[in-house]
């Protein structure tokens, strides 16, 4: 009495991982914070070069706001808070916001 056993392979399902949603850090223009200070904050917090910081600052000055960086939510919120706090400590109303990227 020999019994035949049929072996069927198990179906392996891989969970589909979604990429985390990205967030923009936006520099808002104000008429009180000196340009040099804005560039210094961009260099210190966002690791920008002098030239890149100048371009971002000038774009925010001309257009009213400028996207500084796009990254994961927790990083974006941390960088925005760090930059805004740095400005508050120096007595300037410089403001950075975060919002989801579409």
N, C-alpha and C. Protein backbone atom coordinates (compact mmCIF):
# COMPACT_ATOMS: atom_id res chain seq x y z
N UNK A 1 0.82 -1.17 0.00
CA UNK A 1 0.00 0.00 0.00
C UNK A 1 0.87 1.24 0.00
N UNK A 2 1.10 1.73 -1.12
CA UNK A 2 1.87 2.97 -1.18
C UNK A 2 0.93 4.13 -1.50
N UNK A 3 1.03 5.11 -0.68
CA UNK A 3 0.20 6.30 -0.89
C UNK A 3 1.02 7.38 -1.56
N UNK A 4 0.40 8.02 -2.50
CA UNK A 4 1.08 9.13 -3.16
C UNK A 4 0.69 10.43 -2.49
N UNK A 5 1.66 11.19 -2.15
CA UNK A 5 1.38 12.51 -1.58
C UNK A 5 1.82 13.57 -2.58
N UNK A 6 0.93 14.45 -2.80
CA UNK A 6 1.23 15.53 -3.72
C UNK A 6 1.66 16.75 -2.92
N UNK A 7 2.79 17.27 -3.28
CA UNK A 7 3.31 18.45 -2.58
C UNK A 7 3.03 19.66 -3.46
N UNK A 8 2.29 20.60 -2.89
CA UNK A 8 2.03 21.84 -3.62
C UNK A 8 2.79 22.97 -2.91
N UNK A 9 3.44 23.78 -3.68
CA UNK A 9 4.20 24.87 -3.05
C UNK A 9 3.25 25.90 -2.43
N UNK A 10 3.67 26.43 -1.30
CA UNK A 10 2.86 27.46 -0.65
C UNK A 10 3.07 28.78 -1.39
N UNK A 11 2.00 29.51 -1.49
CA UNK A 11 2.08 30.80 -2.13
C UNK A 11 2.63 31.81 -1.12
N UNK A 12 3.70 32.44 -1.49
CA UNK A 12 4.30 33.43 -0.61
C UNK A 12 3.87 34.81 -1.09
N UNK A 13 3.22 35.53 -0.23
CA UNK A 13 2.81 36.88 -0.60
C UNK A 13 3.69 37.88 0.12
N UNK A 14 4.20 38.80 -0.64
CA UNK A 14 5.03 39.85 -0.06
C UNK A 14 4.14 41.07 0.17
N UNK A 15 4.21 41.63 1.35
CA UNK A 15 3.40 42.84 1.58
C UNK A 15 3.95 43.99 0.74
N UNK A 16 3.04 44.71 0.17
CA UNK A 16 3.44 45.84 -0.65
C UNK A 16 3.71 47.03 0.26
N UNK A 17 4.95 47.48 0.27
CA UNK A 17 5.33 48.59 1.11
C UNK A 17 5.18 49.90 0.34
N UNK A 18 4.56 50.84 0.98
CA UNK A 18 4.41 52.15 0.37
C UNK A 18 5.54 53.05 0.84
N UNK A 19 5.97 53.91 -0.04
CA UNK A 19 6.98 54.89 0.35
C UNK A 19 6.32 55.92 1.25
N UNK A 20 7.07 56.42 2.22
CA UNK A 20 6.48 57.44 3.09
C UNK A 20 6.19 58.71 2.29
N UNK A 21 5.14 59.39 2.69
CA UNK A 21 4.78 60.63 2.00
C UNK A 21 5.83 61.69 2.29
N UNK A 22 6.11 62.49 1.30
CA UNK A 22 7.13 63.52 1.43
C UNK A 22 6.49 64.84 1.83
N UNK A 23 7.26 65.64 2.54
CA UNK A 23 6.81 66.95 3.00
C UNK A 23 7.78 68.02 2.56
N UNK A 24 7.24 69.20 2.25
CA UNK A 24 8.05 70.33 1.84
C UNK A 24 8.32 71.22 3.05
N UNK A 25 9.54 71.73 3.16
CA UNK A 25 9.86 72.77 4.13
C UNK A 25 9.88 74.06 3.33
N UNK A 26 9.05 75.01 3.76
CA UNK A 26 8.88 76.26 3.02
C UNK A 26 9.38 77.44 3.84
N UNK A 27 10.21 78.26 3.22
CA UNK A 27 10.69 79.50 3.82
C UNK A 27 9.73 80.61 3.45
N UNK A 28 9.19 81.29 4.46
CA UNK A 28 8.27 82.41 4.22
C UNK A 28 9.03 83.72 4.35
N UNK A 29 8.77 84.63 3.44
CA UNK A 29 9.46 85.92 3.45
C UNK A 29 8.91 86.83 4.55
N UNK A 30 9.79 87.59 5.14
CA UNK A 30 9.38 88.68 6.02
C UNK A 30 10.30 89.87 5.75
N UNK A 31 9.87 91.05 6.13
CA UNK A 31 10.63 92.26 5.81
C UNK A 31 11.58 92.69 6.92
N UNK A 32 11.74 91.86 7.94
CA UNK A 32 12.54 92.27 9.10
C UNK A 32 13.83 91.48 9.28
N UNK A 33 13.86 90.24 8.85
CA UNK A 33 15.04 89.40 9.04
C UNK A 33 16.09 89.76 7.99
N UNK A 34 17.32 90.05 8.42
CA UNK A 34 18.38 90.38 7.45
C UNK A 34 18.70 89.20 6.54
N UNK A 35 19.05 89.52 5.30
CA UNK A 35 19.36 88.49 4.31
C UNK A 35 20.52 87.60 4.77
N UNK A 36 21.53 88.20 5.36
CA UNK A 36 22.70 87.44 5.81
C UNK A 36 22.30 86.40 6.86
N UNK A 37 21.37 86.77 7.73
CA UNK A 37 20.93 85.83 8.77
C UNK A 37 20.17 84.67 8.15
N UNK A 38 19.32 84.95 7.17
CA UNK A 38 18.56 83.89 6.50
C UNK A 38 19.53 82.91 5.83
N UNK A 39 20.53 83.43 5.15
CA UNK A 39 21.52 82.57 4.50
C UNK A 39 22.27 81.74 5.54
N UNK A 40 22.61 82.34 6.67
CA UNK A 40 23.31 81.63 7.73
C UNK A 40 22.46 80.47 8.26
N UNK A 41 21.15 80.70 8.44
CA UNK A 41 20.25 79.64 8.92
C UNK A 41 20.16 78.52 7.88
N UNK A 42 20.03 78.88 6.62
CA UNK A 42 19.95 77.87 5.56
C UNK A 42 21.22 77.03 5.49
N UNK A 43 22.36 77.67 5.68
CA UNK A 43 23.63 76.94 5.68
C UNK A 43 23.74 76.03 6.90
N UNK A 44 23.36 76.53 8.08
CA UNK A 44 23.52 75.78 9.33
C UNK A 44 22.54 74.62 9.45
N UNK A 45 21.27 74.87 9.17
CA UNK A 45 20.23 73.85 9.39
C UNK A 45 20.07 72.92 8.20
N UNK A 46 20.10 73.48 7.00
CA UNK A 46 19.82 72.68 5.81
C UNK A 46 21.08 72.30 5.03
N UNK A 47 22.24 72.64 5.56
CA UNK A 47 23.54 72.28 4.96
C UNK A 47 23.67 72.76 3.51
N UNK A 48 23.22 73.97 3.27
CA UNK A 48 23.31 74.54 1.92
C UNK A 48 24.63 75.29 1.76
N UNK A 49 25.04 75.43 0.52
CA UNK A 49 26.21 76.25 0.23
C UNK A 49 25.78 77.72 0.30
N UNK A 50 26.75 78.60 0.29
CA UNK A 50 26.48 80.04 0.32
C UNK A 50 25.62 80.44 -0.88
N UNK A 51 25.98 79.94 -2.05
CA UNK A 51 25.26 80.29 -3.28
C UNK A 51 23.83 79.75 -3.28
N UNK A 52 23.65 78.49 -2.87
CA UNK A 52 22.31 77.90 -2.84
C UNK A 52 21.44 78.63 -1.81
N UNK A 53 22.00 78.95 -0.66
CA UNK A 53 21.27 79.69 0.36
C UNK A 53 20.84 81.06 -0.14
N UNK A 54 21.73 81.71 -0.87
CA UNK A 54 21.41 83.03 -1.43
C UNK A 54 20.26 82.93 -2.43
N UNK A 55 20.29 81.91 -3.28
CA UNK A 55 19.23 81.75 -4.28
C UNK A 55 17.88 81.46 -3.63
N UNK A 56 17.87 80.60 -2.61
CA UNK A 56 16.62 80.28 -1.90
C UNK A 56 16.09 81.53 -1.21
N UNK A 57 16.97 82.26 -0.54
CA UNK A 57 16.57 83.49 0.17
C UNK A 57 16.00 84.51 -0.82
N UNK A 58 16.66 84.68 -1.94
CA UNK A 58 16.20 85.66 -2.93
C UNK A 58 14.87 85.25 -3.56
N UNK A 59 14.67 83.96 -3.81
CA UNK A 59 13.41 83.47 -4.35
C UNK A 59 12.27 83.73 -3.36
N UNK A 60 12.52 83.45 -2.08
CA UNK A 60 11.50 83.72 -1.06
C UNK A 60 11.22 85.22 -0.97
N UNK A 61 12.25 86.03 -1.09
CA UNK A 61 12.08 87.48 -1.02
C UNK A 61 11.22 87.99 -2.19
N UNK A 62 11.46 87.47 -3.37
CA UNK A 62 10.74 87.94 -4.56
C UNK A 62 9.33 87.35 -4.68
N UNK A 63 9.19 86.06 -4.35
CA UNK A 63 7.92 85.37 -4.56
C UNK A 63 7.04 85.27 -3.31
N UNK A 64 7.61 85.56 -2.14
CA UNK A 64 6.84 85.47 -0.91
C UNK A 64 7.11 84.20 -0.13
N UNK A 65 7.50 83.13 -0.83
CA UNK A 65 7.87 81.87 -0.17
C UNK A 65 8.71 81.05 -1.14
N UNK A 66 9.40 80.05 -0.58
CA UNK A 66 10.25 79.20 -1.41
C UNK A 66 10.40 77.84 -0.74
N UNK A 67 10.33 76.78 -1.51
CA UNK A 67 10.55 75.44 -0.98
C UNK A 67 12.05 75.27 -0.76
N UNK A 68 12.41 74.91 0.47
CA UNK A 68 13.81 74.74 0.82
C UNK A 68 14.26 73.31 0.56
N UNK A 69 13.47 72.34 1.04
CA UNK A 69 13.83 70.94 0.90
C UNK A 69 12.55 70.10 0.94
N UNK A 70 12.60 68.92 0.32
CA UNK A 70 11.50 67.96 0.36
C UNK A 70 12.07 66.67 0.95
N UNK A 71 11.44 66.21 2.04
CA UNK A 71 11.95 65.01 2.72
C UNK A 71 10.83 64.36 3.52
N UNK A 72 11.16 63.34 4.30
CA UNK A 72 10.18 62.65 5.13
C UNK A 72 9.61 63.61 6.17
N UNK A 73 8.41 63.30 6.64
CA UNK A 73 7.67 64.21 7.52
C UNK A 73 8.43 64.57 8.80
N UNK A 74 8.95 63.56 9.50
CA UNK A 74 9.63 63.85 10.76
C UNK A 74 10.88 64.69 10.57
N UNK A 75 11.61 64.45 9.50
CA UNK A 75 12.81 65.24 9.21
C UNK A 75 12.41 66.67 8.85
N UNK A 76 11.37 66.82 8.02
CA UNK A 76 10.92 68.15 7.61
C UNK A 76 10.46 68.97 8.81
N UNK A 77 9.68 68.36 9.69
CA UNK A 77 9.18 69.09 10.86
C UNK A 77 10.31 69.46 11.81
N UNK A 78 11.28 68.57 11.97
CA UNK A 78 12.41 68.85 12.84
C UNK A 78 13.25 70.00 12.30
N UNK A 79 13.55 69.97 11.00
CA UNK A 79 14.36 71.03 10.38
C UNK A 79 13.64 72.38 10.44
N UNK A 80 12.34 72.39 10.16
CA UNK A 80 11.57 73.63 10.19
C UNK A 80 11.55 74.21 11.60
N UNK A 81 11.35 73.38 12.60
CA UNK A 81 11.32 73.84 13.98
C UNK A 81 12.69 74.35 14.41
N UNK A 82 13.74 73.63 14.04
CA UNK A 82 15.10 74.03 14.39
C UNK A 82 15.44 75.40 13.79
N UNK A 83 15.10 75.61 12.52
CA UNK A 83 15.39 76.87 11.85
C UNK A 83 14.57 78.02 12.45
N UNK A 84 13.29 77.78 12.72
CA UNK A 84 12.43 78.81 13.30
C UNK A 84 12.89 79.16 14.71
N UNK A 85 13.26 78.14 15.49
CA UNK A 85 13.76 78.39 16.85
C UNK A 85 15.06 79.17 16.85
N UNK A 86 15.93 78.89 15.89
CA UNK A 86 17.19 79.62 15.77
C UNK A 86 16.93 81.11 15.52
N UNK A 87 15.93 81.39 14.68
CA UNK A 87 15.58 82.77 14.39
C UNK A 87 14.96 83.45 15.61
N UNK A 88 14.11 82.74 16.34
CA UNK A 88 13.49 83.31 17.54
C UNK A 88 14.53 83.66 18.59
N UNK A 89 15.54 82.78 18.74
CA UNK A 89 16.60 83.05 19.70
C UNK A 89 17.36 84.32 19.35
N UNK A 90 17.48 84.59 18.06
CA UNK A 90 18.18 85.79 17.61
C UNK A 90 17.24 87.00 17.55
N UNK A 91 15.96 86.80 17.82
CA UNK A 91 15.01 87.91 17.84
C UNK A 91 14.42 88.28 16.49
N UNK A 92 14.41 87.34 15.55
CA UNK A 92 13.86 87.60 14.22
C UNK A 92 12.59 86.78 14.00
N UNK A 93 11.64 87.33 13.20
CA UNK A 93 10.37 86.62 12.95
C UNK A 93 10.42 85.64 11.79
N UNK A 94 11.60 85.17 11.42
CA UNK A 94 11.75 84.23 10.30
C UNK A 94 10.92 82.98 10.56
N UNK A 95 10.21 82.53 9.53
CA UNK A 95 9.29 81.40 9.72
C UNK A 95 9.48 80.36 8.62
N UNK A 96 9.52 79.09 9.04
CA UNK A 96 9.56 77.95 8.13
C UNK A 96 8.32 77.11 8.41
N UNK A 97 7.66 76.64 7.36
CA UNK A 97 6.47 75.80 7.48
C UNK A 97 6.71 74.47 6.79
N UNK A 98 5.90 73.47 7.17
CA UNK A 98 5.92 72.19 6.45
C UNK A 98 4.53 71.93 5.91
N UNK A 99 4.49 71.30 4.75
CA UNK A 99 3.22 70.88 4.17
C UNK A 99 3.46 69.67 3.28
N UNK A 100 2.44 68.82 3.14
CA UNK A 100 2.62 67.62 2.30
C UNK A 100 2.85 67.99 0.84
N UNK A 101 3.67 67.19 0.20
CA UNK A 101 3.91 67.39 -1.22
C UNK A 101 2.82 66.65 -1.98
N UNK A 102 2.28 67.28 -3.02
CA UNK A 102 1.24 66.64 -3.82
C UNK A 102 1.84 65.68 -4.80
